[in-house]
Amino acid sequence: MLYNNQIINMSPINKLTKLTFLGLGYNQIIVVPSIENLTALTYLVLSNNQIINIDELFNLRVLSLVNDDISCTDLKNLKTTLSSTDIISWSCAN
């Protein structure tokens, strides 16, 4: 887990292809890039960041986006595309 480390850029994580759990809560992430290379990733915690945009997410079983700045419309659209995700916890900015 990399909680509370002032992380802004998630891009380098895309090289960790065998990663299954990623906890990046309480950082300063604004944009979540595509993580299509992380085919083993099933658990992603991004709560308490400043996220306003999320690219495609794949293979997740758990996704947490509580207390981020993403809009309700974007979250609803994301939730629709993540039909295989078992647990989605989220709150939206408007």
N, C-alpha and C. Protein backbone atom coordinates (compact mmCIF):
# COMPACT_ATOMS: atom_id res chain seq x y z
N MET A 1 0.83 -1.17 0.00
CA MET A 1 0.00 0.00 0.00
C MET A 1 0.88 1.24 0.00
N LEU A 2 0.46 2.21 -0.74
CA LEU A 2 1.20 3.46 -0.87
C LEU A 2 0.32 4.63 -0.43
N TYR A 3 -0.31 4.49 0.71
CA TYR A 3 -1.18 5.54 1.23
C TYR A 3 -0.37 6.73 1.72
N ASN A 4 -0.93 7.92 1.48
CA ASN A 4 -0.40 9.16 2.03
C ASN A 4 1.06 9.41 1.69
N ASN A 5 1.38 9.33 0.40
CA ASN A 5 2.75 9.54 -0.06
C ASN A 5 2.87 10.69 -1.06
N GLN A 6 1.84 11.49 -1.21
CA GLN A 6 1.83 12.62 -2.13
C GLN A 6 2.08 12.20 -3.58
N ILE A 7 1.65 11.00 -3.94
CA ILE A 7 1.78 10.51 -5.32
C ILE A 7 0.83 11.28 -6.23
N ILE A 8 1.34 11.73 -7.35
CA ILE A 8 0.55 12.48 -8.32
C ILE A 8 0.37 11.66 -9.61
N ASN A 9 1.41 10.98 -10.03
CA ASN A 9 1.43 10.29 -11.31
C ASN A 9 1.40 8.77 -11.11
N MET A 10 0.37 8.12 -11.64
CA MET A 10 0.26 6.65 -11.54
C MET A 10 0.91 5.92 -12.69
N SER A 11 1.35 6.62 -13.72
CA SER A 11 1.85 5.97 -14.94
C SER A 11 2.94 4.93 -14.71
N PRO A 12 3.92 5.15 -13.83
CA PRO A 12 4.96 4.13 -13.65
C PRO A 12 4.43 2.79 -13.15
N ILE A 13 3.30 2.79 -12.51
CA ILE A 13 2.72 1.55 -11.98
C ILE A 13 2.31 0.61 -13.10
N ASN A 14 2.06 1.15 -14.28
CA ASN A 14 1.62 0.34 -15.42
C ASN A 14 2.64 -0.72 -15.83
N LYS A 15 3.86 -0.60 -15.33
CA LYS A 15 4.90 -1.58 -15.64
C LYS A 15 4.88 -2.79 -14.70
N LEU A 16 4.11 -2.71 -13.62
CA LEU A 16 4.06 -3.77 -12.61
C LEU A 16 2.96 -4.77 -12.97
N THR A 17 3.19 -5.53 -14.00
CA THR A 17 2.15 -6.35 -14.62
C THR A 17 1.63 -7.49 -13.74
N LYS A 18 2.33 -7.87 -12.70
CA LYS A 18 1.87 -8.96 -11.83
C LYS A 18 1.20 -8.47 -10.56
N LEU A 19 1.05 -7.17 -10.45
CA LEU A 19 0.43 -6.56 -9.29
C LEU A 19 -1.03 -6.98 -9.18
N THR A 20 -1.46 -7.42 -7.99
CA THR A 20 -2.85 -7.83 -7.79
C THR A 20 -3.62 -6.87 -6.89
N PHE A 21 -2.93 -6.20 -5.97
CA PHE A 21 -3.55 -5.26 -5.02
C PHE A 21 -2.82 -3.93 -5.11
N LEU A 22 -3.56 -2.85 -5.19
CA LEU A 22 -2.94 -1.53 -5.24
C LEU A 22 -3.75 -0.57 -4.38
N GLY A 23 -3.13 -0.07 -3.34
CA GLY A 23 -3.76 0.91 -2.47
C GLY A 23 -3.05 2.24 -2.58
N LEU A 24 -3.72 3.20 -3.18
CA LEU A 24 -3.14 4.53 -3.39
C LEU A 24 -4.02 5.62 -2.77
N GLY A 25 -4.68 5.30 -1.69
CA GLY A 25 -5.53 6.28 -1.03
C GLY A 25 -4.70 7.39 -0.39
N TYR A 26 -5.35 8.53 -0.19
CA TYR A 26 -4.74 9.68 0.48
C TYR A 26 -3.47 10.16 -0.22
N ASN A 27 -3.52 10.28 -1.52
CA ASN A 27 -2.43 10.85 -2.30
C ASN A 27 -2.95 12.08 -3.03
N GLN A 28 -2.34 12.47 -4.10
CA GLN A 28 -2.77 13.66 -4.85
C GLN A 28 -3.02 13.33 -6.32
N ILE A 29 -3.52 12.14 -6.57
CA ILE A 29 -3.77 11.68 -7.93
C ILE A 29 -4.99 12.40 -8.49
N ILE A 30 -4.86 12.93 -9.69
CA ILE A 30 -5.95 13.64 -10.35
C ILE A 30 -6.51 12.81 -11.51
N VAL A 31 -5.64 12.21 -12.30
CA VAL A 31 -6.05 11.42 -13.47
C VAL A 31 -5.55 9.99 -13.30
N VAL A 32 -6.44 9.04 -13.55
CA VAL A 32 -6.06 7.62 -13.51
C VAL A 32 -5.89 7.17 -14.96
N PRO A 33 -4.66 6.86 -15.37
CA PRO A 33 -4.44 6.45 -16.75
C PRO A 33 -4.95 5.02 -16.98
N SER A 34 -5.01 4.62 -18.22
CA SER A 34 -5.38 3.24 -18.52
C SER A 34 -4.42 2.29 -17.83
N ILE A 35 -4.97 1.26 -17.23
CA ILE A 35 -4.12 0.27 -16.55
C ILE A 35 -4.30 -1.09 -17.23
N GLU A 36 -4.47 -1.07 -18.54
CA GLU A 36 -4.74 -2.30 -19.27
C GLU A 36 -3.60 -3.31 -19.18
N ASN A 37 -2.37 -2.87 -18.91
CA ASN A 37 -1.24 -3.78 -18.76
C ASN A 37 -1.29 -4.54 -17.44
N LEU A 38 -2.06 -4.03 -16.49
CA LEU A 38 -2.13 -4.66 -15.17
C LEU A 38 -3.23 -5.72 -15.16
N THR A 39 -3.03 -6.76 -15.92
CA THR A 39 -4.06 -7.77 -16.10
C THR A 39 -4.33 -8.59 -14.84
N ALA A 40 -3.41 -8.62 -13.89
CA ALA A 40 -3.60 -9.36 -12.65
C ALA A 40 -4.26 -8.51 -11.56
N LEU A 41 -4.34 -7.20 -11.76
CA LEU A 41 -4.87 -6.30 -10.74
C LEU A 41 -6.36 -6.55 -10.54
N THR A 42 -6.75 -6.86 -9.30
CA THR A 42 -8.16 -7.10 -9.00
C THR A 42 -8.68 -6.18 -7.91
N TYR A 43 -7.81 -5.54 -7.16
CA TYR A 43 -8.21 -4.72 -6.01
C TYR A 43 -7.54 -3.36 -6.13
N LEU A 44 -8.33 -2.30 -6.28
CA LEU A 44 -7.78 -0.96 -6.48
C LEU A 44 -8.47 0.04 -5.55
N VAL A 45 -7.68 0.66 -4.70
CA VAL A 45 -8.19 1.68 -3.78
C VAL A 45 -7.58 3.02 -4.17
N LEU A 46 -8.44 3.95 -4.55
CA LEU A 46 -8.01 5.29 -4.94
C LEU A 46 -8.74 6.36 -4.14
N SER A 47 -9.29 6.01 -3.01
CA SER A 47 -10.07 6.93 -2.21
C SER A 47 -9.23 8.08 -1.67
N ASN A 48 -9.90 9.20 -1.45
CA ASN A 48 -9.29 10.38 -0.85
C ASN A 48 -8.11 10.91 -1.65
N ASN A 49 -8.30 11.00 -2.95
CA ASN A 49 -7.38 11.67 -3.85
C ASN A 49 -8.11 12.87 -4.43
N GLN A 50 -7.71 13.33 -5.57
CA GLN A 50 -8.36 14.46 -6.23
C GLN A 50 -8.78 14.06 -7.64
N ILE A 51 -9.17 12.82 -7.80
CA ILE A 51 -9.43 12.24 -9.12
C ILE A 51 -10.62 12.92 -9.80
N ILE A 52 -10.36 13.37 -11.02
CA ILE A 52 -11.42 13.96 -11.84
C ILE A 52 -11.64 13.18 -13.13
N ASN A 53 -10.71 12.26 -13.45
CA ASN A 53 -10.84 11.50 -14.69
C ASN A 53 -10.23 10.11 -14.51
N ILE A 54 -10.93 9.13 -15.08
CA ILE A 54 -10.45 7.74 -15.04
C ILE A 54 -10.55 7.16 -16.43
N ASP A 55 -9.43 6.62 -16.92
CA ASP A 55 -9.45 5.90 -18.18
C ASP A 55 -10.00 4.49 -17.93
N GLU A 56 -9.86 3.63 -18.88
CA GLU A 56 -10.41 2.28 -18.76
C GLU A 56 -9.77 1.50 -17.63
N LEU A 57 -10.61 0.74 -16.94
CA LEU A 57 -10.15 -0.15 -15.87
C LEU A 57 -10.60 -1.56 -16.23
N PHE A 58 -9.74 -2.54 -16.01
CA PHE A 58 -10.04 -3.91 -16.40
C PHE A 58 -9.86 -4.86 -15.22
N ASN A 59 -10.59 -5.96 -15.22
CA ASN A 59 -10.38 -7.10 -14.34
C ASN A 59 -10.56 -6.83 -12.85
N LEU A 60 -11.09 -5.70 -12.47
CA LEU A 60 -11.19 -5.39 -11.05
C LEU A 60 -12.32 -6.15 -10.38
N ARG A 61 -12.08 -6.61 -9.16
CA ARG A 61 -13.12 -7.20 -8.33
C ARG A 61 -13.55 -6.19 -7.27
N VAL A 62 -12.62 -5.32 -6.87
CA VAL A 62 -12.92 -4.29 -5.87
C VAL A 62 -12.35 -2.96 -6.36
N LEU A 63 -13.18 -1.91 -6.30
CA LEU A 63 -12.75 -0.56 -6.66
C LEU A 63 -13.32 0.41 -5.64
N SER A 64 -12.45 1.25 -5.08
CA SER A 64 -12.89 2.26 -4.11
C SER A 64 -12.47 3.65 -4.59
N LEU A 65 -13.47 4.53 -4.71
CA LEU A 65 -13.25 5.91 -5.16
C LEU A 65 -13.98 6.89 -4.22
N VAL A 66 -13.93 6.63 -2.94
CA VAL A 66 -14.63 7.47 -1.96
C VAL A 66 -13.85 8.76 -1.75
N ASN A 67 -14.58 9.87 -1.67
CA ASN A 67 -14.01 11.20 -1.40
C ASN A 67 -13.01 11.65 -2.45
N ASP A 68 -13.34 11.45 -3.71
CA ASP A 68 -12.55 11.99 -4.81
C ASP A 68 -13.36 13.09 -5.47
N ASP A 69 -12.80 13.76 -6.45
CA ASP A 69 -13.46 14.90 -7.09
C ASP A 69 -14.15 14.55 -8.40
N ILE A 70 -14.30 13.29 -8.69
CA ILE A 70 -14.92 12.86 -9.94
C ILE A 70 -16.42 13.16 -9.92
N SER A 71 -16.98 13.50 -11.06
CA SER A 71 -18.40 13.86 -11.12
C SER A 71 -19.28 12.63 -10.99
N CYS A 72 -20.51 12.84 -10.54
CA CYS A 72 -21.47 11.74 -10.41
C CYS A 72 -21.75 11.08 -11.75
N THR A 73 -21.85 11.88 -12.81
CA THR A 73 -22.10 11.34 -14.14
C THR A 73 -20.98 10.42 -14.57
N ASP A 74 -19.74 10.85 -14.39
CA ASP A 74 -18.60 10.02 -14.76
C ASP A 74 -18.55 8.74 -13.94
N LEU A 75 -18.89 8.83 -12.66
CA LEU A 75 -18.89 7.63 -11.83
C LEU A 75 -19.98 6.65 -12.25
N LYS A 76 -21.14 7.16 -12.58
CA LYS A 76 -22.22 6.27 -13.03
C LYS A 76 -21.84 5.58 -14.34
N ASN A 77 -21.21 6.32 -15.25
CA ASN A 77 -20.75 5.72 -16.51
C ASN A 77 -19.69 4.66 -16.24
N LEU A 78 -18.78 4.94 -15.34
CA LEU A 78 -17.73 3.99 -14.99
C LEU A 78 -18.34 2.74 -14.36
N LYS A 79 -19.28 2.91 -13.47
CA LYS A 79 -19.92 1.77 -12.82
C LYS A 79 -20.60 0.86 -13.83
N THR A 80 -21.20 1.44 -14.86
CA THR A 80 -21.85 0.66 -15.91
C THR A 80 -20.83 -0.19 -16.67
N THR A 81 -19.65 0.34 -16.90
CA THR A 81 -18.64 -0.41 -17.65
C THR A 81 -17.93 -1.46 -16.79
N LEU A 82 -18.11 -1.40 -15.48
CA LEU A 82 -17.45 -2.35 -14.58
C LEU A 82 -18.42 -3.39 -14.05
N SER A 83 -19.19 -3.97 -14.93
CA SER A 83 -20.24 -4.90 -14.51
C SER A 83 -19.69 -6.13 -13.80
N SER A 84 -18.45 -6.52 -14.08
CA SER A 84 -17.89 -7.71 -13.43
C SER A 84 -17.26 -7.39 -12.08
N THR A 85 -17.20 -6.12 -11.71
CA THR A 85 -16.62 -5.72 -10.44
C THR A 85 -17.62 -6.01 -9.34
N ASP A 86 -17.19 -6.74 -8.31
CA ASP A 86 -18.08 -7.14 -7.24
C ASP A 86 -18.38 -6.01 -6.26
N ILE A 87 -17.38 -5.25 -5.88
CA ILE A 87 -17.56 -4.21 -4.88
C ILE A 87 -17.07 -2.88 -5.45
N ILE A 88 -17.96 -1.92 -5.48
CA ILE A 88 -17.57 -0.57 -5.90
C ILE A 88 -18.05 0.38 -4.82
N SER A 89 -17.12 1.03 -4.14
CA SER A 89 -17.50 2.06 -3.18
C SER A 89 -17.08 3.40 -3.76
N TRP A 90 -18.00 4.37 -3.73
CA TRP A 90 -17.70 5.64 -4.35
C TRP A 90 -18.57 6.74 -3.79
N SER A 91 -18.10 7.93 -3.94
CA SER A 91 -18.88 9.15 -3.69
C SER A 91 -18.49 10.11 -4.78
N CYS A 92 -19.36 11.06 -5.07
CA CYS A 92 -19.06 11.97 -6.18
C CYS A 92 -19.12 13.42 -5.74
N ALA A 93 -18.53 14.26 -6.56
CA ALA A 93 -18.35 15.68 -6.23
C ALA A 93 -19.63 16.50 -6.43
N ASN A 94 -20.55 16.04 -7.27
CA ASN A 94 -21.76 16.83 -7.49
C ASN A 94 -22.95 15.95 -7.73
